[in-house]
Amino acid sequence: MRLKDKILYFVVNFLLGVAWATAFLGAIYSFLAYYQESFFYSIVAFLIGALPGLAIVLLLEHFIVSQENYLELTKQTKLLEKLLEKE
């Protein structure tokens, strides 16, 4: 990630780590909870258990990409304003 604000960078990285841990732990816990009944049920539970954590990861990655896009657009705007001032 290339976020300029160091505090925001730290918070987003920390939350990404928590989200991945939630995805893994939810998947493993769900798998082990239904492993005794059926292997098919345990695979389905594995996928369902990972969904909340993966959704949070997806939202955080979207936030990162939108922040990078915003920073790039501000750079382009400054450059375009400088070009207009020259003319």
Protein backbone atom coordinates (compact mmCIF):
# COMPACT_ATOMS: atom_id res chain seq x y z
CA MET A 1 0.00 0.00 0.00
CA ARG A 2 1.10 3.49 -0.71
CA LEU A 3 -1.06 5.58 1.57
CA LYS A 4 0.60 8.83 2.60
CA ASP A 5 -0.93 9.15 6.05
CA LYS A 6 1.09 6.90 8.36
CA ILE A 7 -1.63 6.57 10.98
CA LEU A 8 -4.20 5.60 8.36
CA TYR A 9 -1.66 3.20 6.84
CA PHE A 10 -1.15 1.51 10.22
CA VAL A 11 -4.88 1.28 10.99
CA VAL A 12 -5.76 -0.15 7.57
CA ASN A 13 -2.95 -2.71 7.75
CA PHE A 14 -4.01 -3.73 11.24
CA LEU A 15 -7.64 -4.09 10.19
CA LEU A 16 -6.59 -6.12 7.15
CA GLY A 17 -4.71 -8.49 9.44
CA VAL A 18 -7.72 -8.80 11.72
CA ALA A 19 -10.00 -9.43 8.75
CA TRP A 20 -7.76 -12.18 7.36
CA ALA A 21 -7.52 -13.77 10.81
CA THR A 22 -11.32 -13.64 11.12
CA ALA A 23 -11.69 -15.29 7.72
CA PHE A 24 -9.26 -18.09 8.57
CA LEU A 25 -10.57 -18.70 12.07
CA GLY A 26 -14.19 -18.63 10.94
CA ALA A 27 -13.45 -21.07 8.15
CA ILE A 28 -11.50 -23.47 10.36
CA TYR A 29 -14.00 -23.33 13.21
CA SER A 30 -16.92 -23.92 10.86
CA PHE A 31 -15.11 -26.78 9.14
CA LEU A 32 -14.31 -28.51 12.42
CA ALA A 33 -17.81 -27.97 13.78
CA TYR A 34 -19.42 -29.89 10.89
CA TYR A 35 -16.62 -32.38 10.19
CA GLN A 36 -18.29 -35.13 12.25
CA GLU A 37 -21.55 -34.97 10.30
CA SER A 38 -20.40 -34.97 6.70
CA PHE A 39 -17.42 -33.87 4.66
CA PHE A 40 -19.71 -32.05 2.21
CA TYR A 41 -21.38 -30.09 5.03
CA SER A 42 -17.97 -29.23 6.45
CA ILE A 43 -16.79 -27.84 3.09
CA VAL A 44 -19.97 -25.73 2.78
CA ALA A 45 -19.56 -24.53 6.38
CA PHE A 46 -15.91 -23.71 5.63
CA LEU A 47 -16.95 -21.44 2.76
CA ILE A 48 -19.77 -19.81 4.73
CA GLY A 49 -17.53 -19.30 7.77
CA ALA A 50 -14.92 -17.49 5.68
CA LEU A 51 -17.40 -15.09 4.06
CA PRO A 52 -17.63 -12.40 6.78
CA GLY A 53 -13.86 -12.01 7.01
CA LEU A 54 -13.45 -12.01 3.24
CA ALA A 55 -16.16 -9.38 2.90
CA ILE A 56 -14.26 -7.13 5.32
CA VAL A 57 -11.04 -7.73 3.37
CA LEU A 58 -12.84 -6.77 0.17
CA LEU A 59 -14.16 -3.54 1.72
CA LEU A 60 -10.74 -2.57 3.05
CA GLU A 61 -9.08 -3.25 -0.29
CA HIS A 62 -11.74 -1.13 -1.98
CA PHE A 63 -10.96 1.66 0.48
CA ILE A 64 -7.23 1.41 -0.30
CA VAL A 65 -7.79 1.52 -4.05
CA SER A 66 -10.16 4.49 -3.76
CA GLN A 67 -7.63 6.38 -1.61
CA GLU A 68 -4.85 5.70 -4.14
CA ASN A 69 -7.16 6.81 -6.95
CA TYR A 70 -7.98 10.01 -5.05
CA LEU A 71 -4.30 10.80 -4.49
CA GLU A 72 -3.52 10.21 -8.16
CA LEU A 73 -6.39 12.43 -9.26
CA THR A 74 -5.22 15.26 -7.01
CA LYS A 75 -1.72 15.01 -8.53
CA GLN A 76 -3.20 15.13 -12.03
CA THR A 77 -5.38 18.11 -11.12
CA LYS A 78 -2.37 20.06 -9.83
CA LEU A 79 -0.44 19.30 -13.02
CA LEU A 80 -3.35 20.36 -15.20
CA GLU A 81 -3.73 23.60 -13.25
CA LYS A 82 -0.02 24.35 -13.76
CA LEU A 83 -0.42 23.75 -17.51
CA LEU A 84 -3.40 26.10 -17.64
CA GLU A 85 -1.46 28.79 -15.80
CA LYS A 86 1.37 28.60 -18.34
CA GLU A 87 -0.97 29.37 -21.22
